[in-house]
Amino acid sequence: MPLLPRLLPVAALFAAFTAVAQNVPPPATPFQMQGNIYLPNKLPATDARVAALKVPVGFTITKFAEGLDMPRMLAVRPNGDVYVTNRVKGTVTLVRDANHDGKAEVMRQVAQKPHLHGLALQGNKLYLTAIREVYVADVLPDGGLGELKELYHDLPDAGQHANRVLQFGPDGQLYLSVGSTCNACDEDNPENATILKLNLDGSGRQVVAHGLRNTIGFDWHPLTKELFGMDHGIDWLGDETQQEELNQIKPGAGYGWPSIIADGQHYPANKPKSGESYEAFDAKNVRPLLLYKAHSAPLGLVFNKGTQFPKE
């Protein structure tokens, strides 16, 4: 009888332990990632190397300018002037072929702001984007730029993908690609991993499409006016996976990242944030039109807007 008071706490503890044990989550899903890092040697763009580059039938390729350090994105005026960004230095350089011999003689810095990357021209105005800011500047008669006026200062934080891209659509509106903050994660900001449409006066913006990990290159078909973009696939899934995606960007559509990748594959590290099954989530998203070589990270997509398309 004297032992009974001591046994009661032990019995209560055992019951509590049993209840906790029943609420232990199941074992984690086994998931492994493997990757390789390949750093190619940098080679000078000699005339012989440029001549060896392959282009589609009906096109030629020649060297226009060199010595630009790290040129990134381009915008070309109707008169042939080219504006080039350097995302590391945050500079914009005017590149001009003054004597129209096919080679640039003028290379002059015309603007600088931290992290400038994307460019888009409309009339005599140049629009520029950094990580969180969008600017506009007047193009001066000599090709220089007036004051960079800030239109937006509250774009989403950058994280892994800081390279914003601007393009004017056939509707005259300005479109901006905002990449994801991560390789694969559930974003808190609904404007990450999207394409946005901006008001030119800085008064607001809206999400055009979402679930796009990092669509740097996008353009509109010159005849159908449909929007297409190249999306960068998730890393660390092997040398041949995930392939890059060519998507037709439809207003209001989702493209699956990070739960659905490539042509409908389930990505086990990120189950649908909505709580629905992979199959149900996939059914609500748009599959890519074409898959492209993994890790090639395409930076541009441009339709030939001329009237004469090469036969190929």
C-alpha atoms as a PDB file:
ATOM      1  CA  MET A   1       0.000   0.000   0.000  1.00  0.00           C
ATOM      2  CA  PRO A   2       2.745   2.556   0.715  1.00  0.00           C
ATOM      3  CA  LEU A   3       4.024   2.115  -2.888  1.00  0.00           C
ATOM      4  CA  LEU A   4       0.735   3.101  -4.549  1.00  0.00           C
ATOM      5  CA  PRO A   5       1.194   6.906  -4.297  1.00  0.00           C
ATOM      6  CA  ARG A   6       4.566   6.535  -6.066  1.00  0.00           C
ATOM      7  CA  LEU A   7       3.129   4.383  -8.895  1.00  0.00           C
ATOM      8  CA  LEU A   8       0.373   6.816  -9.843  1.00  0.00           C
ATOM      9  CA  PRO A   9       2.701   9.489 -11.291  1.00  0.00           C
ATOM     10  CA  VAL A  10       4.522   6.810 -13.328  1.00  0.00           C
ATOM     11  CA  ALA A  11       1.233   5.578 -14.804  1.00  0.00           C
ATOM     12  CA  ALA A  12       0.183   9.145 -15.635  1.00  0.00           C
ATOM     13  CA  LEU A  13       3.536   9.814 -17.282  1.00  0.00           C
ATOM     14  CA  PHE A  14       3.243   6.637 -19.377  1.00  0.00           C
ATOM     15  CA  ALA A  15      -0.241   7.674 -20.560  1.00  0.00           C
ATOM     16  CA  ALA A  16       1.012  11.156 -21.506  1.00  0.00           C
ATOM     17  CA  PHE A  17       3.986   9.677 -23.371  1.00  0.00           C
ATOM     18  CA  THR A  18       1.669   7.353 -25.296  1.00  0.00           C
ATOM     19  CA  ALA A  19      -0.531  10.293 -26.325  1.00  0.00           C
ATOM     20  CA  VAL A  20       2.499  12.291 -27.539  1.00  0.00           C
ATOM     21  CA  ALA A  21       3.873   9.304 -29.411  1.00  0.00           C
ATOM     22  CA  GLN A  22       0.623   8.987 -31.332  1.00  0.00           C
ATOM     23  CA  ASN A  23       1.115  12.559 -32.624  1.00  0.00           C
ATOM     24  CA  VAL A  24       4.685  12.066 -33.843  1.00  0.00           C
ATOM     25  CA  PRO A  25       4.840  12.958 -37.566  1.00  0.00           C
ATOM     26  CA  PRO A  26       5.713  10.210 -40.020  1.00  0.00           C
ATOM     27  CA  PRO A  27       9.305   9.860 -41.219  1.00  0.00           C
ATOM     28  CA  ALA A  28      10.494  12.502 -43.670  1.00  0.00           C
ATOM     29  CA  THR A  29      10.224  11.801 -47.392  1.00  0.00           C
ATOM     30  CA  PRO A  30      13.642  10.649 -48.668  1.00  0.00           C
ATOM     31  CA  PHE A  31      14.883  13.207 -51.181  1.00  0.00           C
ATOM     32  CA  GLN A  32      18.382  13.673 -52.516  1.00  0.00           C
ATOM     33  CA  MET A  33      19.826  16.304 -54.811  1.00  0.00           C
ATOM     34  CA  GLN A  34      23.041  16.090 -56.781  1.00  0.00           C
ATOM     35  CA  GLY A  35      24.763  18.788 -58.755  1.00  0.00           C
ATOM     36  CA  ASN A  36      27.984  19.723 -60.475  1.00  0.00           C
ATOM     37  CA  ILE A  37      29.551  23.142 -60.937  1.00  0.00           C
ATOM     38  CA  TYR A  38      31.263  23.795 -64.250  1.00  0.00           C
ATOM     39  CA  LEU A  39      33.259  26.994 -64.730  1.00  0.00           C
ATOM     40  CA  PRO A  40      34.282  27.443 -68.386  1.00  0.00           C
ATOM     41  CA  ASN A  41      37.383  29.396 -69.316  1.00  0.00           C
ATOM     42  CA  LYS A  42      36.774  32.887 -70.651  1.00  0.00           C
ATOM     43  CA  LEU A  43      38.094  33.373 -74.174  1.00  0.00           C
ATOM     44  CA  PRO A  44      38.460  36.628 -76.139  1.00  0.00           C
ATOM     45  CA  ALA A  45      35.930  37.136 -78.934  1.00  0.00           C
ATOM     46  CA  THR A  46      38.422  37.015 -81.774  1.00  0.00           C
ATOM     47  CA  ASP A  47      37.258  37.425 -85.370  1.00  0.00           C
ATOM     48  CA  ALA A  48      37.881  33.716 -85.963  1.00  0.00           C
ATOM     49  CA  ARG A  49      35.744  32.685 -82.983  1.00  0.00           C
ATOM     50  CA  VAL A  50      32.921  35.031 -83.970  1.00  0.00           C
ATOM     51  CA  ALA A  51      33.005  33.645 -87.511  1.00  0.00           C
ATOM     52  CA  ALA A  52      32.677  30.104 -86.111  1.00  0.00           C
ATOM     53  CA  LEU A  53      29.387  30.873 -84.335  1.00  0.00           C
ATOM     54  CA  LYS A  54      26.355  29.196 -85.880  1.00  0.00           C
ATOM     55  CA  VAL A  55      23.263  31.234 -86.782  1.00  0.00           C
ATOM     56  CA  PRO A  56      20.015  30.298 -88.564  1.00  0.00           C
ATOM     57  CA  VAL A  57      19.855  30.336 -92.335  1.00  0.00           C
ATOM     58  CA  GLY A  58      19.252  33.882 -93.546  1.00  0.00           C
ATOM     59  CA  PHE A  59      21.166  35.536 -90.690  1.00  0.00           C
ATOM     60  CA  THR A  60      24.777  36.696 -90.318  1.00  0.00           C
ATOM     61  CA  ILE A  61      26.756  37.577 -87.197  1.00  0.00           C
ATOM     62  CA  THR A  62      29.513  40.172 -86.858  1.00  0.00           C
ATOM     63  CA  LYS A  63      31.247  41.948 -83.990  1.00  0.00           C
ATOM     64  CA  PHE A  64      29.575  45.318 -83.291  1.00  0.00           C
ATOM     65  CA  ALA A  65      31.393  46.548 -80.156  1.00  0.00           C
ATOM     66  CA  GLU A  66      33.914  45.273 -77.637  1.00  0.00           C
ATOM     67  CA  GLY A  67      35.588  46.388 -74.441  1.00  0.00           C
ATOM     68  CA  LEU A  68      32.265  46.818 -72.626  1.00  0.00           C
ATOM     69  CA  ASP A  69      33.441  44.801 -69.594  1.00  0.00           C
ATOM     70  CA  MET A  70      30.257  42.898 -68.662  1.00  0.00           C
ATOM     71  CA  PRO A  71      27.414  43.913 -71.028  1.00  0.00           C
ATOM     72  CA  ARG A  72      24.097  42.421 -69.981  1.00  0.00           C
ATOM     73  CA  MET A  73      20.821  43.735 -71.454  1.00  0.00           C
ATOM     74  CA  LEU A  74      20.228  45.834 -74.582  1.00  0.00           C
ATOM     75  CA  ALA A  75      17.701  48.317 -75.904  1.00  0.00           C
ATOM     76  CA  VAL A  76      17.967  49.673 -79.461  1.00  0.00           C
ATOM     77  CA  ARG A  77      16.547  52.950 -80.759  1.00  0.00           C
ATOM     78  CA  PRO A  78      15.184  53.273 -84.302  1.00  0.00           C
ATOM     79  CA  ASN A  79      18.288  55.309 -85.248  1.00  0.00           C
ATOM     80  CA  GLY A  80      20.541  52.385 -84.277  1.00  0.00           C
ATOM     81  CA  ASP A  81      21.756  53.704 -80.909  1.00  0.00           C
ATOM     82  CA  VAL A  82      22.176  50.884 -78.397  1.00  0.00           C
ATOM     83  CA  TYR A  83      21.871  51.184 -74.624  1.00  0.00           C
ATOM     84  CA  VAL A  84      23.667  48.506 -72.607  1.00  0.00           C
ATOM     85  CA  THR A  85      23.514  47.759 -68.881  1.00  0.00           C
ATOM     86  CA  ASN A  86      26.223  46.367 -66.619  1.00  0.00           C
ATOM     87  CA  ARG A  87      24.401  44.845 -63.641  1.00  0.00           C
ATOM     88  CA  VAL A  88      27.539  44.708 -61.443  1.00  0.00           C
ATOM     89  CA  LYS A  89      28.445  48.379 -61.835  1.00  0.00           C
ATOM     90  CA  GLY A  90      24.844  49.517 -62.338  1.00  0.00           C
ATOM     91  CA  THR A  91      25.771  51.504 -65.422  1.00  0.00           C
ATOM     92  CA  VAL A  92      24.052  52.289 -68.715  1.00  0.00           C
ATOM     93  CA  THR A  93      26.346  52.812 -71.729  1.00  0.00           C
ATOM     94  CA  LEU A  94      25.419  54.386 -75.043  1.00  0.00           C
ATOM     95  CA  VAL A  95      26.925  52.418 -77.939  1.00  0.00           C
ATOM     96  CA  ARG A  96      26.727  54.189 -81.298  1.00  0.00           C
ATOM     97  CA  ASP A  97      27.834  53.407 -84.832  1.00  0.00           C
ATOM     98  CA  ALA A  98      28.350  57.033 -85.873  1.00  0.00           C
ATOM     99  CA  ASN A  99      29.599  56.407 -89.423  1.00  0.00           C
ATOM    100  CA  HIS A 100      27.238  53.474 -90.132  1.00  0.00           C
ATOM    101  CA  ASP A 101      29.993  51.024 -91.024  1.00  0.00           C
ATOM    102  CA  GLY A 102      28.571  48.256 -88.811  1.00  0.00           C
ATOM    103  CA  LYS A 103      30.981  48.859 -85.927  1.00  0.00           C
ATOM    104  CA  ALA A 104      30.514  51.109 -82.907  1.00  0.00           C
ATOM    105  CA  GLU A 105      32.864  54.056 -82.443  1.00  0.00           C
ATOM    106  CA  VAL A 106      31.073  55.718 -79.493  1.00  0.00           C
ATOM    107  CA  MET A 107      30.831  54.050 -76.076  1.00  0.00           C
ATOM    108  CA  ARG A 108      29.787  56.519 -73.382  1.00  0.00           C
ATOM    109  CA  GLN A 109      28.325  55.974 -69.922  1.00  0.00           C
ATOM    110  CA  VAL A 110      25.039  57.870 -69.644  1.00  0.00           C
ATOM    111  CA  ALA A 111      23.587  56.711 -66.299  1.00  0.00           C
ATOM    112  CA  GLN A 112      24.365  54.798 -63.108  1.00  0.00           C
ATOM    113  CA  LYS A 113      22.225  53.457 -60.286  1.00  0.00           C
ATOM    114  CA  PRO A 114      22.832  50.401 -58.070  1.00  0.00           C
ATOM    115  CA  HIS A 115      21.850  47.098 -59.733  1.00  0.00           C
ATOM    116  CA  LEU A 116      20.426  48.497 -62.990  1.00  0.00           C
ATOM    117  CA  HIS A 117      19.569  45.635 -65.311  1.00  0.00           C
ATOM    118  CA  GLY A 118      16.477  45.752 -67.539  1.00  0.00           C
ATOM    119  CA  LEU A 119      15.856  48.378 -70.240  1.00  0.00           C
ATOM    120  CA  ALA A 120      12.884  49.279 -72.441  1.00  0.00           C
ATOM    121  CA  LEU A 121      12.431  52.139 -74.914  1.00  0.00           C
ATOM    122  CA  GLN A 122       9.231  53.900 -75.864  1.00  0.00           C
ATOM    123  CA  GLY A 123       9.456  57.016 -77.997  1.00  0.00           C
ATOM    124  CA  ASN A 124      12.041  59.360 -76.486  1.00  0.00           C
ATOM    125  CA  LYS A 125      11.919  57.765 -73.033  1.00  0.00           C
ATOM    126  CA  LEU A 126      14.060  54.974 -71.610  1.00  0.00           C
ATOM    127  CA  TYR A 127      12.664  52.864 -68.760  1.00  0.00           C
ATOM    128  CA  LEU A 128      15.116  51.092 -66.448  1.00  0.00           C
ATOM    129  CA  THR A 129      14.736  48.664 -63.574  1.00  0.00           C
ATOM    130  CA  ALA A 130      16.925  47.742 -60.633  1.00  0.00           C
ATOM    131  CA  ILE A 131      16.015  45.248 -57.885  1.00  0.00           C
ATOM    132  CA  ARG A 132      13.253  47.247 -56.179  1.00  0.00           C
ATOM    133  CA  GLU A 133      13.106  50.368 -58.355  1.00  0.00           C
ATOM    134  CA  VAL A 134      11.842  51.329 -61.799  1.00  0.00           C
ATOM    135  CA  TYR A 135      13.065  54.580 -63.374  1.00  0.00           C
ATOM    136  CA  VAL A 136      12.286  56.603 -66.482  1.00  0.00           C
ATOM    137  CA  ALA A 137      14.533  59.115 -68.246  1.00  0.00           C
ATOM    138  CA  ASP A 138      14.247  61.331 -71.307  1.00  0.00           C
ATOM    139  CA  VAL A 139      16.515  60.433 -74.204  1.00  0.00           C
ATOM    140  CA  LEU A 140      18.397  63.600 -75.164  1.00  0.00           C
ATOM    141  CA  PRO A 141      19.251  64.615 -78.753  1.00  0.00           C
ATOM    142  CA  ASP A 142      22.891  63.557 -78.308  1.00  0.00           C
ATOM    143  CA  GLY A 143      21.852  60.118 -77.028  1.00  0.00           C
ATOM    144  CA  GLY A 144      22.454  60.953 -73.404  1.00  0.00           C
ATOM    145  CA  LEU A 145      19.818  60.586 -70.704  1.00  0.00           C
ATOM    146  CA  GLY A 146      18.074  63.154 -68.573  1.00  0.00           C
ATOM    147  CA  GLU A 147      17.451  62.725 -64.867  1.00  0.00           C
ATOM    148  CA  LEU A 148      16.402  59.232 -63.813  1.00  0.00           C
ATOM    149  CA  LYS A 149      12.981  59.720 -62.233  1.00  0.00           C
ATOM    150  CA  GLU A 150      11.761  56.984 -59.868  1.00  0.00           C
ATOM    151  CA  LEU A 151       8.396  55.417 -60.735  1.00  0.00           C
ATOM    152  CA  TYR A 152       8.462  52.491 -58.293  1.00  0.00           C
ATOM    153  CA  HIS A 153      10.586  51.811 -55.231  1.00  0.00           C
ATOM    154  CA  ASP A 154       8.800  48.830 -53.646  1.00  0.00           C
ATOM    155  CA  LEU A 155       9.298  45.850 -55.963  1.00  0.00           C
ATOM    156  CA  PRO A 156       9.835  42.539 -54.119  1.00  0.00           C
ATOM    157  CA  ASP A 157      13.183  41.729 -52.535  1.00  0.00           C
ATOM    158  CA  ALA A 158      15.574  39.924 -54.808  1.00  0.00           C
ATOM    159  CA  GLY A 159      17.053  36.881 -53.115  1.00  0.00           C
ATOM    160  CA  GLN A 160      18.508  34.481 -55.664  1.00  0.00           C
ATOM    161  CA  HIS A 161      17.071  36.202 -58.758  1.00  0.00           C
ATOM    162  CA  ALA A 162      17.737  39.936 -58.751  1.00  0.00           C
ATOM    163  CA  ASN A 163      17.675  40.539 -62.500  1.00  0.00           C
ATOM    164  CA  ARG A 164      14.460  42.363 -63.384  1.00  0.00           C
ATOM    165  CA  VAL A 165      13.585  42.646 -67.078  1.00  0.00           C
ATOM    166  CA  LEU A 166      11.363  45.198 -68.835  1.00  0.00           C
ATOM    167  CA  GLN A 167       9.545  44.977 -72.169  1.00  0.00           C
ATOM    168  CA  PHE A 168       6.788  46.978 -73.823  1.00  0.00           C
ATOM    169  CA  GLY A 169       3.901  44.869 -75.067  1.00  0.00           C
ATOM    170  CA  PRO A 170       1.844  45.440 -78.219  1.00  0.00           C
ATOM    171  CA  ASP A 171      -0.771  47.069 -75.979  1.00  0.00           C
ATOM    172  CA  GLY A 172       1.694  49.840 -75.121  1.00  0.00           C
ATOM    173  CA  GLN A 173       1.916  48.672 -71.503  1.00  0.00           C
ATOM    174  CA  LEU A 174       5.156  47.995 -69.639  1.00  0.00           C
ATOM    175  CA  TYR A 175       5.755  44.413 -68.481  1.00  0.00           C
ATOM    176  CA  LEU A 176       8.293  43.393 -65.852  1.00  0.00           C
ATOM    177  CA  SER A 177       9.588  39.963 -64.878  1.00  0.00           C
ATOM    178  CA  VAL A 178      10.239  39.389 -61.160  1.00  0.00           C
ATOM    179  CA  GLY A 179      12.080  36.153 -60.435  1.00  0.00           C
ATOM    180  CA  SER A 180      11.839  33.975 -57.337  1.00  0.00           C
ATOM    181  CA  THR A 181      13.863  34.651 -54.198  1.00  0.00           C
ATOM    182  CA  CYS A 182      15.066  31.044 -54.084  1.00  0.00           C
ATOM    183  CA  ASN A 183      15.756  27.897 -56.047  1.00  0.00           C
ATOM    184  CA  ALA A 184      12.484  26.301 -54.874  1.00  0.00           C
ATOM    185  CA  CYS A 185      10.320  27.554 -52.016  1.00  0.00           C
ATOM    186  CA  ASP A 186       6.864  28.825 -51.104  1.00  0.00           C
ATOM    187  CA  GLU A 187       7.042  32.585 -51.631  1.00  0.00           C
ATOM    188  CA  ASP A 188       5.399  34.923 -49.120  1.00  0.00           C
ATOM    189  CA  ASN A 189       5.202  37.832 -51.575  1.00  0.00           C
ATOM    190  CA  PRO A 190       2.658  37.129 -54.353  1.00  0.00           C
ATOM    191  CA  GLU A 191       4.682  39.290 -56.764  1.00  0.00           C
ATOM    192  CA  ASN A 192       7.718  36.972 -56.694  1.00  0.00           C
ATOM    193  CA  ALA A 193       8.055  34.443 -59.521  1.00  0.00           C
ATOM    194  CA  THR A 194       5.712  36.457 -61.741  1.00  0.00           C
ATOM    195  CA  ILE A 195       5.377  38.767 -64.701  1.00  0.00           C
ATOM    196  CA  LEU A 196       3.848  42.111 -63.746  1.00  0.00           C
ATOM    197  CA  LYS A 197       2.180  44.836 -65.805  1.00  0.00           C
ATOM    198  CA  LEU A 198       3.046  48.374 -64.684  1.00  0.00           C
ATOM    199  CA  ASN A 199       1.298  51.699 -65.042  1.00  0.00           C
ATOM    200  CA  LEU A 200       3.653  54.138 -66.757  1.00  0.00           C
ATOM    201  CA  ASP A 201       2.927  56.853 -64.208  1.00  0.00           C
ATOM    202  CA  GLY A 202       3.925  54.620 -61.277  1.00  0.00           C
ATOM    203  CA  SER A 203       0.374  54.477 -59.923  1.00  0.00           C
ATOM    204  CA  GLY A 204       0.058  50.699 -59.670  1.00  0.00           C
ATOM    205  CA  ARG A 205       0.746  47.263 -61.080  1.00  0.00           C
ATOM    206  CA  GLN A 206      -0.891  43.858 -61.457  1.00  0.00           C
ATOM    207  CA  VAL A 207       0.238  40.239 -61.710  1.00  0.00           C
ATOM    208  CA  VAL A 208      -0.085  38.897 -65.262  1.00  0.00           C
ATOM    209  CA  ALA A 209       1.101  35.334 -64.606  1.00  0.00           C
ATOM    210  CA  HIS A 210       2.609  33.466 -61.655  1.00  0.00           C
ATOM    211  CA  GLY A 211       4.545  30.286 -60.885  1.00  0.00           C
ATOM    212  CA  LEU A 212       7.383  31.439 -63.166  1.00  0.00           C
ATOM    213  CA  ARG A 213      10.704  30.817 -61.417  1.00  0.00           C
ATOM    214  CA  ASN A 214      12.773  33.270 -63.473  1.00  0.00           C
ATOM    215  CA  THR A 215      11.530  34.304 -66.911  1.00  0.00           C
ATOM    216  CA  ILE A 216      14.221  36.702 -68.101  1.00  0.00           C
ATOM    217  CA  GLY A 217      13.559  36.384 -71.843  1.00  0.00           C
ATOM    218  CA  PHE A 218      10.031  37.120 -73.079  1.00  0.00           C
ATOM    219  CA  ASP A 219       8.469  38.623 -76.205  1.00  0.00           C
ATOM    220  CA  TRP A 220       5.239  38.834 -78.185  1.00  0.00           C
ATOM    221  CA  HIS A 221       4.569  37.041 -81.468  1.00  0.00           C
ATOM    222  CA  PRO A 222       4.382  39.786 -84.120  1.00  0.00           C
ATOM    223  CA  LEU A 223       1.262  38.361 -85.796  1.00  0.00           C
ATOM    224  CA  THR A 224      -0.799  36.724 -83.035  1.00  0.00           C
ATOM    225  CA  LYS A 225       0.339  39.159 -80.280  1.00  0.00           C
ATOM    226  CA  GLU A 226       0.624  36.208 -77.896  1.00  0.00           C
ATOM    227  CA  LEU A 227       3.247  36.418 -75.152  1.00  0.00           C
ATOM    228  CA  PHE A 228       5.966  33.753 -74.827  1.00  0.00           C
ATOM    229  CA  GLY A 229       8.794  33.410 -72.306  1.00  0.00           C
ATOM    230  CA  MET A 230      11.771  31.217 -71.410  1.00  0.00           C
ATOM    231  CA  ASP A 231      11.663  30.132 -67.755  1.00  0.00           C
ATOM    232  CA  HIS A 232      14.732  28.907 -65.857  1.00  0.00           C
ATOM    233  CA  GLY A 233      14.269  25.492 -64.242  1.00  0.00           C
ATOM    234  CA  ILE A 234      15.094  24.368 -60.689  1.00  0.00           C
ATOM    235  CA  ASP A 235      18.761  23.581 -59.961  1.00  0.00           C
ATOM    236  CA  TRP A 236      20.430  20.680 -58.121  1.00  0.00           C
ATOM    237  CA  LEU A 237      18.354  17.932 -59.715  1.00  0.00           C
ATOM    238  CA  GLY A 238      21.176  16.596 -61.897  1.00  0.00           C
ATOM    239  CA  ASP A 239      22.922  17.637 -65.081  1.00  0.00           C
ATOM    240  CA  GLU A 240      19.913  16.995 -67.339  1.00  0.00           C
ATOM    241  CA  THR A 241      17.060  18.061 -65.028  1.00  0.00           C
ATOM    242  CA  GLN A 242      15.145  20.372 -64.687  1.00  0.00           C
ATOM    243  CA  GLN A 243      14.966  21.424 -68.298  1.00  0.00           C
ATOM    244  CA  GLU A 244      14.263  25.054 -69.153  1.00  0.00           C
ATOM    245  CA  GLU A 245      10.725  25.860 -70.300  1.00  0.00           C
ATOM    246  CA  LEU A 246       9.309  27.769 -73.230  1.00  0.00           C
ATOM    247  CA  ASN A 247       5.885  28.929 -72.058  1.00  0.00           C
ATOM    248  CA  GLN A 248       3.012  30.720 -73.654  1.00  0.00           C
ATOM    249  CA  ILE A 249       2.233  33.330 -71.021  1.00  0.00           C
ATOM    250  CA  LYS A 250      -1.538  33.635 -70.606  1.00  0.00           C
ATOM    251  CA  PRO A 251      -3.180  36.350 -68.456  1.00  0.00           C
ATOM    252  CA  GLY A 252      -4.000  35.051 -64.982  1.00  0.00           C
ATOM    253  CA  ALA A 253      -2.372  31.662 -65.554  1.00  0.00           C
ATOM    254  CA  GLY A 254      -0.075  29.719 -63.231  1.00  0.00           C
ATOM    255  CA  TYR A 255       2.953  27.724 -64.361  1.00  0.00           C
ATOM    256  CA  GLY A 256       3.441  25.317 -61.484  1.00  0.00           C
ATOM    257  CA  TRP A 257       6.682  26.403 -59.813  1.00  0.00           C
ATOM    258  CA  PRO A 258       7.801  25.153 -57.371  1.00  0.00           C
ATOM    259  CA  SER A 259       5.505  22.133 -57.038  1.00  0.00           C
ATOM    260  CA  ILE A 260       5.189  21.120 -60.705  1.00  0.00           C
ATOM    261  CA  ILE A 261       8.233  21.217 -62.950  1.00  0.00           C
ATOM    262  CA  ALA A 262       8.907  20.653 -66.645  1.00  0.00           C
ATOM    263  CA  ASP A 263       6.131  18.610 -68.285  1.00  0.00           C
ATOM    264  CA  GLY A 264       4.069  17.849 -65.178  1.00  0.00           C
ATOM    265  CA  GLN A 265       6.630  16.207 -62.895  1.00  0.00           C
ATOM    266  CA  HIS A 266       6.007  16.449 -59.148  1.00  0.00           C
ATOM    267  CA  TYR A 267       8.704  18.209 -57.126  1.00  0.00           C
ATOM    268  CA  PRO A 268       8.635  16.386 -53.767  1.00  0.00           C
ATOM    269  CA  ALA A 269      10.430  19.120 -51.786  1.00  0.00           C
ATOM    270  CA  ASN A 270       7.543  21.574 -52.273  1.00  0.00           C
ATOM    271  CA  LYS A 271       4.041  20.152 -52.086  1.00  0.00           C
ATOM    272  CA  PRO A 272       1.286  22.483 -53.368  1.00  0.00           C
ATOM    273  CA  LYS A 273       0.932  25.362 -50.917  1.00  0.00           C
ATOM    274  CA  SER A 274      -2.849  25.142 -51.293  1.00  0.00           C
ATOM    275  CA  GLY A 275      -2.879  21.703 -49.662  1.00  0.00           C
ATOM    276  CA  GLU A 276      -4.403  20.031 -52.721  1.00  0.00           C
ATOM    277  CA  SER A 277      -2.907  17.033 -54.485  1.00  0.00           C
ATOM    278  CA  TYR A 278      -0.195  17.360 -57.106  1.00  0.00           C
ATOM    279  CA  GLU A 279      -2.657  16.149 -59.736  1.00  0.00           C
ATOM    280  CA  ALA A 280      -5.284  18.755 -58.839  1.00  0.00           C
ATOM    281  CA  PHE A 281      -2.678  21.520 -58.701  1.00  0.00           C
ATOM    282  CA  ASP A 282      -1.159  20.463 -62.027  1.00  0.00           C
ATOM    283  CA  ALA A 283      -4.577  20.536 -63.690  1.00  0.00           C
ATOM    284  CA  LYS A 284      -4.921  24.232 -62.833  1.00  0.00           C
ATOM    285  CA  ASN A 285      -1.534  25.184 -64.282  1.00  0.00           C
ATOM    286  CA  VAL A 286      -0.217  25.584 -67.827  1.00  0.00           C
ATOM    287  CA  ARG A 287       2.318  23.078 -69.158  1.00  0.00           C
ATOM    288  CA  PRO A 288       5.283  24.330 -71.238  1.00  0.00           C
ATOM    289  CA  LEU A 289       5.159  24.300 -75.029  1.00  0.00           C
ATOM    290  CA  LEU A 290       8.766  23.193 -75.318  1.00  0.00           C
ATOM    291  CA  LEU A 291      11.528  21.967 -73.025  1.00  0.00           C
ATOM    292  CA  TYR A 292      15.093  23.165 -73.558  1.00  0.00           C
ATOM    293  CA  LYS A 293      18.514  21.992 -72.368  1.00  0.00           C
ATOM    294  CA  ALA A 294      18.794  22.067 -68.569  1.00  0.00           C
ATOM    295  CA  HIS A 295      20.916  24.804 -66.950  1.00  0.00           C
ATOM    296  CA  SER A 296      21.391  26.728 -70.202  1.00  0.00           C
ATOM    297  CA  ALA A 297      19.678  29.703 -68.484  1.00  0.00           C
ATOM    298  CA  PRO A 298      18.452  31.577 -71.595  1.00  0.00           C
ATOM    299  CA  LEU A 299      18.577  35.343 -71.113  1.00  0.00           C
ATOM    300  CA  GLY A 300      16.657  36.504 -74.172  1.00  0.00           C
ATOM    301  CA  LEU A 301      13.760  35.697 -76.467  1.00  0.00           C
ATOM    302  CA  VAL A 302      13.123  37.901 -79.509  1.00  0.00           C
ATOM    303  CA  PHE A 303      10.743  37.321 -82.393  1.00  0.00           C
ATOM    304  CA  ASN A 304      11.842  38.365 -85.863  1.00  0.00           C
ATOM    305  CA  LYS A 305       9.463  41.269 -86.405  1.00  0.00           C
ATOM    306  CA  GLY A 306      10.506  41.865 -90.003  1.00  0.00           C
ATOM    307  CA  THR A 307       8.264  41.023 -92.948  1.00  0.00           C
ATOM    308  CA  GLN A 308      10.747  38.535 -94.408  1.00  0.00           C
ATOM    309  CA  PHE A 309      11.251  35.475 -92.251  1.00  0.00           C
ATOM    310  CA  PRO A 310      14.090  33.074 -93.186  1.00  0.00           C
ATOM    311  CA  LYS A 311      12.676  29.864 -94.637  1.00  0.00           C
ATOM    312  CA  GLU A 312      14.071  27.775 -91.773  1.00  0.00           C
END
